């Protein structure tokens, strides 16, 4: 999985992709994870990816198939 991290302001349901990433992502299906960019007091030292590793989720271990079908 290739991942990029950037901050942008959402406006009217639209997120602007920074110009340096547009060519790479243009026309591709992407997965989007939205996190409020205002850090909590304990989050100021960590990147978003470090914080996401702490999130606990439930679901199948293999997400490569369509489990809703």
PDB file of N, CA and C in Angstrom:
ATOM      1  N   UNK A   1       0.850  -1.176   0.000  1.00  0.00           N
ATOM      2  CA  UNK A   1       0.000   0.000   0.000  1.00  0.00           C
ATOM      3  C   UNK A   1       0.888   1.229   0.000  1.00  0.00           C
ATOM      4  N   UNK A   2       0.638   2.119  -0.900  1.00  0.00           N
ATOM      5  CA  UNK A   2       1.300   3.415  -0.897  1.00  0.00           C
ATOM      6  C   UNK A   2       0.385   4.403  -0.198  1.00  0.00           C
ATOM      7  N   UNK A   3       0.953   5.204   0.659  1.00  0.00           N
ATOM      8  CA  UNK A   3       0.151   6.163   1.406  1.00  0.00           C
ATOM      9  C   UNK A   3       0.837   7.519   1.372  1.00  0.00           C
ATOM     10  N   UNK A   4       0.026   8.558   1.303  1.00  0.00           N
ATOM     11  CA  UNK A   4       0.527   9.916   1.427  1.00  0.00           C
ATOM     12  C   UNK A   4      -0.279  10.605   2.513  1.00  0.00           C
ATOM     13  N   UNK A   5       0.306  11.583   3.126  1.00  0.00           N
ATOM     14  CA  UNK A   5      -0.382  12.341   4.165  1.00  0.00           C
ATOM     15  C   UNK A   5      -0.249  13.812   3.826  1.00  0.00           C
ATOM     16  N   UNK A   6      -1.374  14.504   3.875  1.00  0.00           N
ATOM     17  CA  UNK A   6      -1.354  15.951   3.680  1.00  0.00           C
ATOM     18  C   UNK A   6      -2.534  16.542   4.419  1.00  0.00           C
ATOM     19  N   UNK A   7      -2.472  17.824   4.644  1.00  0.00           N
ATOM     20  CA  UNK A   7      -3.581  18.516   5.276  1.00  0.00           C
ATOM     21  C   UNK A   7      -4.242  19.418   4.247  1.00  0.00           C
ATOM     22  N   UNK A   8      -5.549  19.489   4.327  1.00  0.00           N
ATOM     23  CA  UNK A   8      -6.320  20.347   3.439  1.00  0.00           C
ATOM     24  C   UNK A   8      -7.582  20.774   4.180  1.00  0.00           C
ATOM     25  N   UNK A   9      -8.247  21.758   3.647  1.00  0.00           N
ATOM     26  CA  UNK A   9      -9.485  22.237   4.252  1.00  0.00           C
ATOM     27  C   UNK A   9     -10.653  21.715   3.414  1.00  0.00           C
ATOM     28  N   UNK A  10     -11.598  21.072   4.066  1.00  0.00           N
ATOM     29  CA  UNK A  10     -12.795  20.591   3.378  1.00  0.00           C
ATOM     30  C   UNK A  10     -13.738  21.765   3.167  1.00  0.00           C
ATOM     31  N   UNK A  11     -14.281  21.873   1.958  1.00  0.00           N
ATOM     32  CA  UNK A  11     -15.246  22.931   1.667  1.00  0.00           C
ATOM     33  C   UNK A  11     -16.328  22.382   0.754  1.00  0.00           C
ATOM     34  N   UNK A  12     -17.565  22.483   1.212  1.00  0.00           N
ATOM     35  CA  UNK A  12     -18.734  21.999   0.464  1.00  0.00           C
ATOM     36  C   UNK A  12     -18.577  20.545   0.036  1.00  0.00           C
ATOM     37  N   UNK A  13     -17.992  19.709   0.891  1.00  0.00           N
ATOM     38  CA  UNK A  13     -17.830  18.298   0.586  1.00  0.00           C
ATOM     39  C   UNK A  13     -16.674  17.977  -0.338  1.00  0.00           C
ATOM     40  N   UNK A  14     -15.813  18.943  -0.608  1.00  0.00           N
ATOM     41  CA  UNK A  14     -14.699  18.744  -1.534  1.00  0.00           C
ATOM     42  C   UNK A  14     -13.382  18.866  -0.773  1.00  0.00           C
ATOM     43  N   UNK A  15     -12.464  17.954  -1.072  1.00  0.00           N
ATOM     44  CA  UNK A  15     -11.117  18.014  -0.526  1.00  0.00           C
ATOM     45  C   UNK A  15     -10.159  18.272  -1.681  1.00  0.00           C
ATOM     46  N   UNK A  16      -9.354  19.297  -1.580  1.00  0.00           N
ATOM     47  CA  UNK A  16      -8.365  19.594  -2.622  1.00  0.00           C
ATOM     48  C   UNK A  16      -7.115  18.765  -2.396  1.00  0.00           C
ATOM     49  N   UNK A  17      -6.702  18.022  -3.424  1.00  0.00           N
ATOM     50  CA  UNK A  17      -5.455  17.268  -3.368  1.00  0.00           C
ATOM     51  C   UNK A  17      -4.342  18.231  -3.757  1.00  0.00           C
ATOM     52  N   UNK A  18      -3.260  18.299  -2.981  1.00  0.00           N
ATOM     53  CA  UNK A  18      -2.162  19.206  -3.312  1.00  0.00           C
ATOM     54  C   UNK A  18      -1.599  18.903  -4.703  1.00  0.00           C
ATOM     55  N   UNK A  19      -1.162  19.943  -5.403  1.00  0.00           N
ATOM     56  CA  UNK A  19      -0.679  19.768  -6.785  1.00  0.00           C
ATOM     57  C   UNK A  19       0.408  18.708  -6.932  1.00  0.00           C
ATOM     58  N   UNK A  20       1.277  18.566  -5.944  1.00  0.00           N
ATOM     59  CA  UNK A  20       2.373  17.592  -6.073  1.00  0.00           C
ATOM     60  C   UNK A  20       1.884  16.139  -6.039  1.00  0.00           C
ATOM     61  N   UNK A  21       0.634  15.900  -5.652  1.00  0.00           N
ATOM     62  CA  UNK A  21       0.085  14.542  -5.604  1.00  0.00           C
ATOM     63  C   UNK A  21      -0.977  14.300  -6.670  1.00  0.00           C
ATOM     64  N   UNK A  22      -1.429  15.314  -7.351  1.00  0.00           N
ATOM     65  CA  UNK A  22      -2.543  15.168  -8.304  1.00  0.00           C
ATOM     66  C   UNK A  22      -2.228  14.216  -9.441  1.00  0.00           C
ATOM     67  N   UNK A  23      -1.048  14.327 -10.053  1.00  0.00           N
ATOM     68  CA  UNK A  23      -0.720  13.485 -11.196  1.00  0.00           C
ATOM     69  C   UNK A  23      -0.683  12.008 -10.788  1.00  0.00           C
ATOM     70  N   UNK A  24      -0.142  11.732  -9.603  1.00  0.00           N
ATOM     71  CA  UNK A  24      -0.052  10.367  -9.114  1.00  0.00           C
ATOM     72  C   UNK A  24      -1.430   9.756  -8.875  1.00  0.00           C
ATOM     73  N   UNK A  25      -2.387  10.555  -8.401  1.00  0.00           N
ATOM     74  CA  UNK A  25      -3.696  10.040  -8.008  1.00  0.00           C
ATOM     75  C   UNK A  25      -4.788  10.231  -9.052  1.00  0.00           C
ATOM     76  N   UNK A  26      -4.539  11.008 -10.082  1.00  0.00           N
ATOM     77  CA  UNK A  26      -5.568  11.334 -11.061  1.00  0.00           C
ATOM     78  C   UNK A  26      -6.121  10.066 -11.717  1.00  0.00           C
ATOM     79  N   UNK A  27      -7.426   9.878 -11.628  1.00  0.00           N
ATOM     80  CA  UNK A  27      -8.105   8.752 -12.257  1.00  0.00           C
ATOM     81  C   UNK A  27      -8.021   7.451 -11.480  1.00  0.00           C
ATOM     82  N   UNK A  28      -7.389   7.458 -10.307  1.00  0.00           N
ATOM     83  CA  UNK A  28      -7.234   6.236  -9.521  1.00  0.00           C
ATOM     84  C   UNK A  28      -8.282   6.175  -8.417  1.00  0.00           C
ATOM     85  N   UNK A  29      -8.687   4.958  -8.086  1.00  0.00           N
ATOM     86  CA  UNK A  29      -9.547   4.728  -6.940  1.00  0.00           C
ATOM     87  C   UNK A  29      -8.676   4.887  -5.706  1.00  0.00           C
ATOM     88  N   UNK A  30      -9.122   5.686  -4.757  1.00  0.00           N
ATOM     89  CA  UNK A  30      -8.347   5.908  -3.539  1.00  0.00           C
ATOM     90  C   UNK A  30      -9.206   5.612  -2.319  1.00  0.00           C
ATOM     91  N   UNK A  31      -8.558   5.271  -1.246  1.00  0.00           N
ATOM     92  CA  UNK A  31      -9.224   5.087   0.046  1.00  0.00           C
ATOM     93  C   UNK A  31      -8.894   6.321   0.869  1.00  0.00           C
ATOM     94  N   UNK A  32      -9.905   6.904   1.484  1.00  0.00           N
ATOM     95  CA  UNK A  32      -9.729   8.155   2.221  1.00  0.00           C
ATOM     96  C   UNK A  32     -10.065   7.921   3.684  1.00  0.00           C
ATOM     97  N   UNK A  33      -9.184   8.366   4.560  1.00  0.00           N
ATOM     98  CA  UNK A  33      -9.423   8.349   5.996  1.00  0.00           C
ATOM     99  C   UNK A  33      -9.348   9.798   6.452  1.00  0.00           C
ATOM    100  N   UNK A  34     -10.427  10.286   7.046  1.00  0.00           N
ATOM    101  CA  UNK A  34     -10.456  11.673   7.495  1.00  0.00           C
ATOM    102  C   UNK A  34     -10.250  11.736   8.998  1.00  0.00           C
ATOM    103  N   UNK A  35      -9.339  12.574   9.411  1.00  0.00           N
ATOM    104  CA  UNK A  35      -9.045  12.775  10.826  1.00  0.00           C
ATOM    105  C   UNK A  35      -8.993  14.268  11.064  1.00  0.00           C
ATOM    106  N   UNK A  36      -9.645  14.713  12.121  1.00  0.00           N
ATOM    107  CA  UNK A  36      -9.595  16.128  12.469  1.00  0.00           C
ATOM    108  C   UNK A  36      -8.142  16.533  12.675  1.00  0.00           C
ATOM    109  N   UNK A  37      -7.691  17.550  11.974  1.00  0.00           N
ATOM    110  CA  UNK A  37      -6.285  17.943  12.016  1.00  0.00           C
ATOM    111  C   UNK A  37      -5.896  18.687  13.285  1.00  0.00           C
ATOM    112  N   UNK A  38      -6.870  19.134  14.052  1.00  0.00           N
ATOM    113  CA  UNK A  38      -6.532  19.789  15.306  1.00  0.00           C
ATOM    114  C   UNK A  38      -6.099  18.718  16.297  1.00  0.00           C
ATOM    115  N   UNK A  39      -4.833  18.690  16.649  1.00  0.00           N
ATOM    116  CA  UNK A  39      -4.351  17.614  17.519  1.00  0.00           C
ATOM    117  C   UNK A  39      -4.848  17.771  18.950  1.00  0.00           C
ATOM    118  N   UNK A  40      -5.040  16.626  19.586  1.00  0.00           N
ATOM    119  CA  UNK A  40      -5.304  16.617  21.017  1.00  0.00           C
ATOM    120  C   UNK A  40      -3.972  16.872  21.707  1.00  0.00           C
ATOM    121  N   UNK A  41      -3.981  17.208  22.961  1.00  0.00           N
ATOM    122  CA  UNK A  41      -2.756  17.543  23.684  1.00  0.00           C
ATOM    123  C   UNK A  41      -1.717  16.422  23.593  1.00  0.00           C
ATOM    124  N   UNK A  42      -2.135  15.164  23.674  1.00  0.00           N
ATOM    125  CA  UNK A  42      -1.188  14.052  23.651  1.00  0.00           C
ATOM    126  C   UNK A  42      -0.745  13.684  22.238  1.00  0.00           C
ATOM    127  N   UNK A  43      -1.399  14.195  21.200  1.00  0.00           N
ATOM    128  CA  UNK A  43      -1.116  13.809  19.817  1.00  0.00           C
ATOM    129  C   UNK A  43      -0.071  14.678  19.133  1.00  0.00           C
ATOM    130  N   UNK A  44       0.391  15.723  19.737  1.00  0.00           N
ATOM    131  CA  UNK A  44       1.229  16.690  19.040  1.00  0.00           C
ATOM    132  C   UNK A  44       2.568  16.125  18.596  1.00  0.00           C
ATOM    133  N   UNK A  45       3.026  15.040  19.198  1.00  0.00           N
ATOM    134  CA  UNK A  45       4.332  14.467  18.856  1.00  0.00           C
ATOM    135  C   UNK A  45       4.236  13.375  17.800  1.00  0.00           C
ATOM    136  N   UNK A  46       3.017  12.968  17.409  1.00  0.00           N
ATOM    137  CA  UNK A  46       2.855  11.822  16.523  1.00  0.00           C
ATOM    138  C   UNK A  46       2.283  12.220  15.173  1.00  0.00           C
ATOM    139  N   UNK A  47       2.651  11.446  14.150  1.00  0.00           N
ATOM    140  CA  UNK A  47       2.046  11.632  12.832  1.00  0.00           C
ATOM    141  C   UNK A  47       0.679  10.982  12.830  1.00  0.00           C
ATOM    142  N   UNK A  48      -0.097  11.249  11.797  1.00  0.00           N
ATOM    143  CA  UNK A  48      -1.428  10.649  11.683  1.00  0.00           C
ATOM    144  C   UNK A  48      -1.330   9.132  11.593  1.00  0.00           C
ATOM    145  N   UNK A  49      -0.296   8.611  10.907  1.00  0.00           N
ATOM    146  CA  UNK A  49      -0.160   7.170  10.770  1.00  0.00           C
ATOM    147  C   UNK A  49       0.150   6.521  12.122  1.00  0.00           C
ATOM    148  N   UNK A  50       0.955   7.160  12.947  1.00  0.00           N
ATOM    149  CA  UNK A  50       1.219   6.641  14.288  1.00  0.00           C
ATOM    150  C   UNK A  50      -0.065   6.626  15.113  1.00  0.00           C
ATOM    151  N   UNK A  51      -0.877   7.666  14.995  1.00  0.00           N
ATOM    152  CA  UNK A  51      -2.144   7.708  15.730  1.00  0.00           C
ATOM    153  C   UNK A  51      -3.117   6.665  15.207  1.00  0.00           C
ATOM    154  N   UNK A  52      -3.149   6.428  13.883  1.00  0.00           N
ATOM    155  CA  UNK A  52      -4.066   5.445  13.314  1.00  0.00           C
ATOM    156  C   UNK A  52      -3.706   4.025  13.736  1.00  0.00           C
ATOM    157  N   UNK A  53      -2.428   3.749  13.978  1.00  0.00           N
ATOM    158  CA  UNK A  53      -2.037   2.420  14.439  1.00  0.00           C
ATOM    159  C   UNK A  53      -2.639   2.108  15.805  1.00  0.00           C
ATOM    160  N   UNK A  54      -3.010   3.106  16.554  1.00  0.00           N
ATOM    161  CA  UNK A  54      -3.602   2.919  17.883  1.00  0.00           C
ATOM    162  C   UNK A  54      -5.107   2.670  17.825  1.00  0.00           C
ATOM    163  N   UNK A  55      -5.740   2.889  16.680  1.00  0.00           N
ATOM    164  CA  UNK A  55      -7.186   2.718  16.545  1.00  0.00           C
ATOM    165  C   UNK A  55      -7.521   1.235  16.522  1.00  0.00           C
ATOM    166  N   UNK A  56      -8.461   0.837  17.335  1.00  0.00           N
ATOM    167  CA  UNK A  56      -8.907  -0.558  17.399  1.00  0.00           C
ATOM    168  C   UNK A  56     -10.182  -0.698  16.580  1.00  0.00           C
ATOM    169  N   UNK A  57     -10.196  -1.666  15.656  1.00  0.00           N
ATOM    170  CA  UNK A  57     -11.376  -1.905  14.836  1.00  0.00           C
ATOM    171  C   UNK A  57     -11.751  -3.375  14.904  1.00  0.00           C
ATOM    172  N   UNK A  58     -12.989  -3.673  14.536  1.00  0.00           N
ATOM    173  CA  UNK A  58     -13.444  -5.046  14.448  1.00  0.00           C
ATOM    174  C   UNK A  58     -13.823  -5.326  13.013  1.00  0.00           C
ATOM    175  N   UNK A  59     -13.557  -6.524  12.586  1.00  0.00           N
ATOM    176  CA  UNK A  59     -13.916  -6.911  11.240  1.00  0.00           C
ATOM    177  C   UNK A  59     -13.080  -8.088  10.806  1.00  0.00           C
ATOM    178  N   UNK A  60     -13.294  -8.564   9.594  1.00  0.00           N
ATOM    179  CA  UNK A  60     -12.535  -9.706   9.105  1.00  0.00           C
ATOM    180  C   UNK A  60     -11.063  -9.339   8.946  1.00  0.00           C
ATOM    181  N   UNK A  61     -10.179 -10.306   9.188  1.00  0.00           N
ATOM    182  CA  UNK A  61      -8.751 -10.038   9.054  1.00  0.00           C
ATOM    183  C   UNK A  61      -8.347  -9.889   7.593  1.00  0.00           C
ATOM    184  N   UNK A  62      -9.095 -10.500   6.676  1.00  0.00           N
ATOM    185  CA  UNK A  62      -8.798 -10.422   5.249  1.00  0.00           C
ATOM    186  C   UNK A  62      -9.821  -9.508   4.589  1.00  0.00           C
ATOM    187  N   UNK A  63      -9.418  -8.295   4.250  1.00  0.00           N
ATOM    188  CA  UNK A  63     -10.333  -7.331   3.624  1.00  0.00           C
ATOM    189  C   UNK A  63     -10.186  -7.309   2.112  1.00  0.00           C
ATOM    190  N   UNK A  64      -9.528  -8.316   1.536  1.00  0.00           N
ATOM    191  CA  UNK A  64      -9.290  -8.325   0.093  1.00  0.00           C
ATOM    192  C   UNK A  64     -10.484  -8.800  -0.702  1.00  0.00           C
ATOM    193  N   UNK A  65     -11.520  -9.283  -0.041  1.00  0.00           N
ATOM    194  CA  UNK A  65     -12.721  -9.730  -0.746  1.00  0.00           C
ATOM    195  C   UNK A  65     -13.909  -8.896  -0.281  1.00  0.00           C
ATOM    196  N   UNK A  66     -14.978  -8.958  -1.030  1.00  0.00           N
ATOM    197  CA  UNK A  66     -16.181  -8.205  -0.698  1.00  0.00           C
ATOM    198  C   UNK A  66     -16.998  -9.022   0.301  1.00  0.00           C
ATOM    199  N   UNK A  67     -16.908  -8.677   1.580  1.00  0.00           N
ATOM    200  CA  UNK A  67     -17.591  -9.432   2.620  1.00  0.00           C
ATOM    201  C   UNK A  67     -19.057  -9.046   2.762  1.00  0.00           C
ATOM    202  N   UNK A  68     -19.490  -7.994   2.088  1.00  0.00           N
ATOM    203  CA  UNK A  68     -20.886  -7.558   2.177  1.00  0.00           C
ATOM    204  C   UNK A  68     -21.770  -8.239   1.154  1.00  0.00           C
ATOM    205  N   UNK A  69     -21.168  -8.908   0.199  1.00  0.00           N
ATOM    206  CA  UNK A  69     -21.942  -9.510  -0.904  1.00  0.00           C
ATOM    207  C   UNK A  69     -22.738 -10.698  -0.456  1.00  0.00           C
TER     208      UNK A  69
END
